[in-house]
C-alpha atoms as a PDB file:
ATOM      1  CA  MET A   1      62.371   2.174-119.452  1.00  0.00           C
ATOM      2  CA  LYS A   2      62.094  -0.198-122.435  1.00  0.00           C
ATOM      3  CA  LYS A   3      58.297   0.016-122.249  1.00  0.00           C
ATOM      4  CA  LEU A   4      58.460   3.829-122.237  1.00  0.00           C
ATOM      5  CA  LEU A   5      60.727   3.883-125.287  1.00  0.00           C
ATOM      6  CA  PHE A   6      58.506   1.375-127.090  1.00  0.00           C
ATOM      7  CA  PHE A   7      55.369   3.420-126.287  1.00  0.00           C
ATOM      8  CA  THR A   8      57.073   6.607-127.464  1.00  0.00           C
ATOM      9  CA  ALA A   9      58.164   4.957-130.707  1.00  0.00           C
ATOM     10  CA  ILE A  10      54.590   3.790-131.343  1.00  0.00           C
ATOM     11  CA  VAL A  11      53.177   7.268-130.730  1.00  0.00           C
ATOM     12  CA  LEU A  12      55.795   9.087-132.805  1.00  0.00           C
ATOM     13  CA  PHE A  13      55.987   6.650-135.684  1.00  0.00           C
ATOM     14  CA  GLY A  14      52.800   4.609-135.475  1.00  0.00           C
ATOM     15  CA  PHE A  15      50.958   6.795-137.916  1.00  0.00           C
ATOM     16  CA  THR A  16      53.439   6.348-140.771  1.00  0.00           C
ATOM     17  CA  TYR A  17      51.253   3.678-142.369  1.00  0.00           C
ATOM     18  CA  VAL A  18      48.875   6.413-143.535  1.00  0.00           C
ATOM     19  CA  SER A  19      50.459   7.196-146.877  1.00  0.00           C
ATOM     20  CA  ALA A  20      48.032   9.986-147.775  1.00  0.00           C
ATOM     21  CA  GLN A  21      48.972  12.074-144.738  1.00  0.00           C
ATOM     22  CA  GLU A  22      52.007  14.326-144.559  1.00  0.00           C
ATOM     23  CA  ILE A  23      54.313  13.617-141.612  1.00  0.00           C
ATOM     24  CA  ASP A  24      57.088  16.017-140.654  1.00  0.00           C
ATOM     25  CA  PHE A  25      59.747  15.203-138.053  1.00  0.00           C
ATOM     26  CA  GLY A  26      61.688  17.825-136.191  1.00  0.00           C
ATOM     27  CA  ALA A  27      63.367  19.071-133.059  1.00  0.00           C
ATOM     28  CA  LYS A  28      62.706  21.970-130.716  1.00  0.00           C
ATOM     29  CA  ALA A  29      64.297  23.726-127.747  1.00  0.00           C
ATOM     30  CA  GLY A  30      63.366  26.632-125.575  1.00  0.00           C
ATOM     31  CA  VAL A  31      63.086  28.342-122.244  1.00  0.00           C
ATOM     32  CA  ASN A  32      60.828  27.361-119.327  1.00  0.00           C
ATOM     33  CA  PHE A  33      59.452  29.810-116.777  1.00  0.00           C
ATOM     34  CA  ALA A  34      58.320  27.255-114.225  1.00  0.00           C
ATOM     35  CA  THR A  35      56.816  27.386-110.767  1.00  0.00           C
ATOM     36  CA  ILE A  36      54.932  25.130-108.394  1.00  0.00           C
ATOM     37  CA  THR A  37      51.496  26.295-107.281  1.00  0.00           C
ATOM     38  CA  GLY A  38      49.651  25.600-104.049  1.00  0.00           C
ATOM     39  CA  ASP A  39      48.029  27.463-101.171  1.00  0.00           C
ATOM     40  CA  ASP A  40      51.036  27.006 -98.850  1.00  0.00           C
ATOM     41  CA  LEU A  41      53.682  28.156-101.348  1.00  0.00           C
ATOM     42  CA  ASP A  42      53.846  31.951-101.008  1.00  0.00           C
ATOM     43  CA  SER A  43      57.652  31.858-100.945  1.00  0.00           C
ATOM     44  CA  PHE A  44      57.915  30.140-104.366  1.00  0.00           C
ATOM     45  CA  SER A  45      58.791  32.117-107.490  1.00  0.00           C
ATOM     46  CA  SER A  46      59.506  31.311-111.115  1.00  0.00           C
ATOM     47  CA  ARG A  47      62.507  29.140-111.986  1.00  0.00           C
ATOM     48  CA  THR A  48      64.053  29.791-115.393  1.00  0.00           C
ATOM     49  CA  ALA A  49      65.143  26.541-117.039  1.00  0.00           C
ATOM     50  CA  PHE A  50      64.924  24.839-120.457  1.00  0.00           C
ATOM     51  CA  HIS A  51      63.299  22.109-122.527  1.00  0.00           C
ATOM     52  CA  LEU A  52      64.389  20.257-125.671  1.00  0.00           C
ATOM     53  CA  GLY A  53      63.334  17.277-127.681  1.00  0.00           C
ATOM     54  CA  PHE A  54      61.739  15.797-130.771  1.00  0.00           C
ATOM     55  CA  VAL A  55      58.397  16.359-132.494  1.00  0.00           C
ATOM     56  CA  ALA A  56      56.347  14.774-135.267  1.00  0.00           C
ATOM     57  CA  GLU A  57      53.577  16.711-137.004  1.00  0.00           C
ATOM     58  CA  ILE A  58      50.987  14.518-138.699  1.00  0.00           C
ATOM     59  CA  GLY A  59      48.752  16.393-141.126  1.00  0.00           C
ATOM     60  CA  ILE A  60      45.127  15.281-140.915  1.00  0.00           C
ATOM     61  CA  THR A  61      43.557  18.039-143.029  1.00  0.00           C
ATOM     62  CA  GLU A  62      44.890  21.310-144.455  1.00  0.00           C
ATOM     63  CA  THR A  63      43.999  23.134-141.235  1.00  0.00           C
ATOM     64  CA  PHE A  64      44.347  20.421-138.574  1.00  0.00           C
ATOM     65  CA  SER A  65      47.263  18.257-137.476  1.00  0.00           C
ATOM     66  CA  PHE A  66      48.300  16.029-134.588  1.00  0.00           C
ATOM     67  CA  GLN A  67      51.697  16.667-132.992  1.00  0.00           C
ATOM     68  CA  PRO A  68      53.168  14.197-130.473  1.00  0.00           C
ATOM     69  CA  GLU A  69      56.373  15.352-128.813  1.00  0.00           C
ATOM     70  CA  LEU A  70      59.059  13.822-126.602  1.00  0.00           C
ATOM     71  CA  LEU A  71      60.751  16.483-124.458  1.00  0.00           C
ATOM     72  CA  TYR A  72      63.236  16.738-121.636  1.00  0.00           C
ATOM     73  CA  SER A  73      61.890  19.542-119.432  1.00  0.00           C
ATOM     74  CA  ALA A  74      63.599  21.144-116.425  1.00  0.00           C
ATOM     75  CA  GLN A  75      60.873  22.498-114.134  1.00  0.00           C
ATOM     76  CA  GLY A  76      60.334  23.386-110.471  1.00  0.00           C
ATOM     77  CA  ALA A  77      60.527  26.689-108.597  1.00  0.00           C
ATOM     78  CA  ASP A  78      62.893  29.024-106.771  1.00  0.00           C
ATOM     79  CA  TYR A  79      62.204  29.987-103.174  1.00  0.00           C
ATOM     80  CA  SER A  80      63.308  32.410-100.491  1.00  0.00           C
ATOM     81  CA  GLU A  81      62.084  31.936 -96.938  1.00  0.00           C
ATOM     82  CA  ASP A  82      63.471  32.938 -93.528  1.00  0.00           C
ATOM     83  CA  GLY A  83      66.848  33.882 -95.003  1.00  0.00           C
ATOM     84  CA  PHE A  84      67.204  30.651 -96.998  1.00  0.00           C
ATOM     85  CA  GLU A  85      67.295  30.617-100.776  1.00  0.00           C
ATOM     86  CA  GLY A  86      67.143  27.646-103.063  1.00  0.00           C
ATOM     87  CA  SER A  87      65.535  25.856-105.975  1.00  0.00           C
ATOM     88  CA  VAL A  88      63.218  22.907-106.215  1.00  0.00           C
ATOM     89  CA  LYS A  89      64.445  21.198-109.395  1.00  0.00           C
ATOM     90  CA  VAL A  90      61.919  18.772-110.879  1.00  0.00           C
ATOM     91  CA  ASP A  91      62.956  17.311-114.240  1.00  0.00           C
ATOM     92  CA  TYR A  92      60.680  15.303-116.538  1.00  0.00           C
ATOM     93  CA  LEU A  93      60.530  13.365-119.758  1.00  0.00           C
ATOM     94  CA  ASN A  94      57.299  14.894-121.087  1.00  0.00           C
ATOM     95  CA  LEU A  95      55.028  13.484-123.777  1.00  0.00           C
ATOM     96  CA  PRO A  96      52.647  16.218-125.013  1.00  0.00           C
ATOM     97  CA  LEU A  97      49.956  15.116-127.500  1.00  0.00           C
ATOM     98  CA  MET A  98      48.944  18.327-129.235  1.00  0.00           C
ATOM     99  CA  ALA A  99      46.080  19.115-131.583  1.00  0.00           C
ATOM    100  CA  LYS A 100      47.081  21.977-133.903  1.00  0.00           C
ATOM    101  CA  PHE A 101      44.511  24.166-135.632  1.00  0.00           C
ATOM    102  CA  TYR A 102      45.911  26.388-138.380  1.00  0.00           C
ATOM    103  CA  VAL A 103      43.861  29.593-138.306  1.00  0.00           C
ATOM    104  CA  ALA A 104      45.962  31.482-140.873  1.00  0.00           C
ATOM    105  CA  GLU A 105      48.933  30.697-143.116  1.00  0.00           C
ATOM    106  CA  GLY A 106      51.557  29.203-140.771  1.00  0.00           C
ATOM    107  CA  PHE A 107      49.804  30.370-137.582  1.00  0.00           C
ATOM    108  CA  SER A 108      48.357  27.701-135.260  1.00  0.00           C
ATOM    109  CA  LEU A 109      46.452  27.377-132.015  1.00  0.00           C
ATOM    110  CA  GLU A 110      47.411  24.283-130.029  1.00  0.00           C
ATOM    111  CA  ALA A 111      45.925  22.295-127.167  1.00  0.00           C
ATOM    112  CA  GLY A 112      46.327  18.843-125.723  1.00  0.00           C
ATOM    113  CA  PRO A 113      47.128  16.616-122.768  1.00  0.00           C
ATOM    114  CA  GLN A 114      50.584  15.844-121.472  1.00  0.00           C
ATOM    115  CA  VAL A 115      52.051  13.078-119.350  1.00  0.00           C
ATOM    116  CA  GLY A 116      55.394  13.613-117.639  1.00  0.00           C
ATOM    117  CA  PHE A 117      57.695  10.921-116.283  1.00  0.00           C
ATOM    118  CA  LEU A 118      59.834  12.105-113.357  1.00  0.00           C
ATOM    119  CA  LEU A 119      63.576  11.888-114.017  1.00  0.00           C
ATOM    120  CA  SER A 120      64.800  13.653-110.879  1.00  0.00           C
ATOM    121  CA  ALA A 121      63.574  15.843-108.018  1.00  0.00           C
ATOM    122  CA  LYS A 122      65.974  17.832-105.852  1.00  0.00           C
ATOM    123  CA  ASP A 123      65.976  20.656-103.350  1.00  0.00           C
ATOM    124  CA  ALA A 124      69.145  22.655-104.061  1.00  0.00           C
ATOM    125  CA  TYR A 125      70.020  25.301-101.470  1.00  0.00           C
ATOM    126  CA  ASP A 126      73.021  27.311-100.252  1.00  0.00           C
ATOM    127  CA  GLY A 127      74.402  24.522 -98.052  1.00  0.00           C
ATOM    128  CA  GLY A 128      73.806  21.532-100.298  1.00  0.00           C
ATOM    129  CA  GLU A 129      71.214  19.449-102.076  1.00  0.00           C
ATOM    130  CA  ASP A 130      68.572  16.915-101.023  1.00  0.00           C
ATOM    131  CA  ASP A 131      67.098  14.203-103.249  1.00  0.00           C
ATOM    132  CA  TRP A 132      63.287  14.494-103.286  1.00  0.00           C
ATOM    133  CA  SER A 133      62.623  11.714-105.820  1.00  0.00           C
ATOM    134  CA  ASP A 134      61.112   9.459-103.156  1.00  0.00           C
ATOM    135  CA  ILE A 135      58.583  12.119-102.046  1.00  0.00           C
ATOM    136  CA  THR A 136      57.636  13.341-105.545  1.00  0.00           C
ATOM    137  CA  LYS A 137      55.083  11.480-107.677  1.00  0.00           C
ATOM    138  CA  GLY A 138      56.622   9.633-110.600  1.00  0.00           C
ATOM    139  CA  ILE A 139      53.965  10.648-113.140  1.00  0.00           C
ATOM    140  CA  ASP A 140      52.589  14.131-113.772  1.00  0.00           C
ATOM    141  CA  PHE A 141      49.514  14.884-115.892  1.00  0.00           C
ATOM    142  CA  GLY A 142      48.767  18.278-117.408  1.00  0.00           C
ATOM    143  CA  LEU A 143      47.016  20.258-120.123  1.00  0.00           C
ATOM    144  CA  ASN A 144      48.832  22.413-122.675  1.00  0.00           C
ATOM    145  CA  PHE A 145      47.556  25.505-124.488  1.00  0.00           C
ATOM    146  CA  GLY A 146      49.658  27.423-126.978  1.00  0.00           C
ATOM    147  CA  ILE A 147      50.261  29.295-130.195  1.00  0.00           C
ATOM    148  CA  GLY A 148      52.769  28.648-132.931  1.00  0.00           C
ATOM    149  CA  TYR A 149      54.040  29.943-136.234  1.00  0.00           C
ATOM    150  CA  LYS A 150      55.706  27.731-138.873  1.00  0.00           C
ATOM    151  CA  LEU A 151      57.625  29.076-141.860  1.00  0.00           C
ATOM    152  CA  GLN A 152      57.711  27.154-145.138  1.00  0.00           C
ATOM    153  CA  SER A 153      61.410  26.470-144.517  1.00  0.00           C
ATOM    154  CA  GLY A 154      60.447  24.359-141.470  1.00  0.00           C
ATOM    155  CA  LEU A 155      61.637  26.903-138.919  1.00  0.00           C
ATOM    156  CA  ASN A 156      58.956  27.409-136.265  1.00  0.00           C
ATOM    157  CA  PHE A 157      58.363  29.412-133.096  1.00  0.00           C
ATOM    158  CA  GLY A 158      55.821  29.214-130.342  1.00  0.00           C
ATOM    159  CA  ALA A 159      54.707  29.714-126.782  1.00  0.00           C
ATOM    160  CA  ARG A 160      52.800  27.356-124.544  1.00  0.00           C
ATOM    161  CA  TYR A 161      51.310  27.148-121.066  1.00  0.00           C
ATOM    162  CA  ASN A 162      51.324  23.843-119.168  1.00  0.00           C
ATOM    163  CA  LEU A 163      48.669  23.599-116.468  1.00  0.00           C
ATOM    164  CA  GLY A 164      49.630  20.835-114.046  1.00  0.00           C
ATOM    165  CA  LEU A 165      46.752  18.611-112.927  1.00  0.00           C
ATOM    166  CA  SER A 166      48.587  16.203-110.601  1.00  0.00           C
ATOM    167  CA  ASP A 167      49.613  16.735-106.999  1.00  0.00           C
ATOM    168  CA  LEU A 168      53.408  16.395-107.009  1.00  0.00           C
ATOM    169  CA  ASN A 169      53.568  15.608-103.301  1.00  0.00           C
ATOM    170  CA  ASP A 170      54.011  11.896-102.590  1.00  0.00           C
ATOM    171  CA  ASP A 171      55.241  12.300 -99.008  1.00  0.00           C
ATOM    172  CA  PRO A 172      53.111  10.142 -96.674  1.00  0.00           C
ATOM    173  CA  ASP A 173      54.188  12.329 -93.721  1.00  0.00           C
ATOM    174  CA  SER A 174      53.273  15.635 -95.382  1.00  0.00           C
ATOM    175  CA  GLN A 175      51.172  18.116 -93.416  1.00  0.00           C
ATOM    176  CA  ALA A 176      50.327  20.178 -96.531  1.00  0.00           C
ATOM    177  CA  ASP A 177      46.733  21.366 -96.819  1.00  0.00           C
ATOM    178  CA  SER A 178      46.781  21.850-100.585  1.00  0.00           C
ATOM    179  CA  ALA A 179      48.081  20.132-103.702  1.00  0.00           C
ATOM    180  CA  PHE A 180      51.402  21.172-105.253  1.00  0.00           C
ATOM    181  CA  LYS A 181      51.126  21.419-109.048  1.00  0.00           C
ATOM    182  CA  ASN A 182      53.408  22.322-111.932  1.00  0.00           C
ATOM    183  CA  SER A 183      52.801  25.559-113.812  1.00  0.00           C
ATOM    184  CA  VAL A 184      55.075  26.220-116.794  1.00  0.00           C
ATOM    185  CA  ILE A 185      55.227  28.894-119.493  1.00  0.00           C
ATOM    186  CA  GLN A 186      57.396  27.845-122.439  1.00  0.00           C
ATOM    187  CA  ALA A 187      58.818  29.720-125.422  1.00  0.00           C
ATOM    188  CA  TYR A 188      60.576  27.698-128.117  1.00  0.00           C
ATOM    189  CA  VAL A 189      62.166  27.580-131.523  1.00  0.00           C
ATOM    190  CA  GLY A 190      62.153  24.451-133.640  1.00  0.00           C
ATOM    191  CA  PHE A 191      62.861  23.061-137.068  1.00  0.00           C
ATOM    192  CA  PHE A 192      61.042  20.456-139.160  1.00  0.00           C
ATOM    193  CA  PHE A 193      63.364  18.433-141.413  1.00  0.00           C
END
């Protein structure tokens, strides 16, 4: 955990030595519409959850900036099968590294990779809850694509899609024919200080 915090501090604050560049720090929070994709997952549907965390926007040019983020993100999927209903709850500490291209005043297109560190994985159903942390991979990789709008006051809004690239299944006894991957649509509001 100390190594993760050190790495995060380097990413978020490591660029402060560049005195000519503008660096804005902020926070954001929003809603997740998450699911898990895979050929064998017809019974899975979107799980509504949330994300929140900290951001740093590092201006490179007038129209391009780099934005590392550190977010808690509740993900997973709801399911209903054979009379059973429940939720697969997969929570991460995500580190998106976004490139932002300002295409008009305040309006940006964003893209970048993301690495997620598993915090917990559970199957919550009507009769109880099972811990799935030991059968879920500890690291998740993905790609993010989004849009954003930032007001001069620092208030900002946006939407993003996270395309999971990693197979979440780490069960050596699994009979699954396909990979299980995260798929998350996010809408957020934030503020730069």
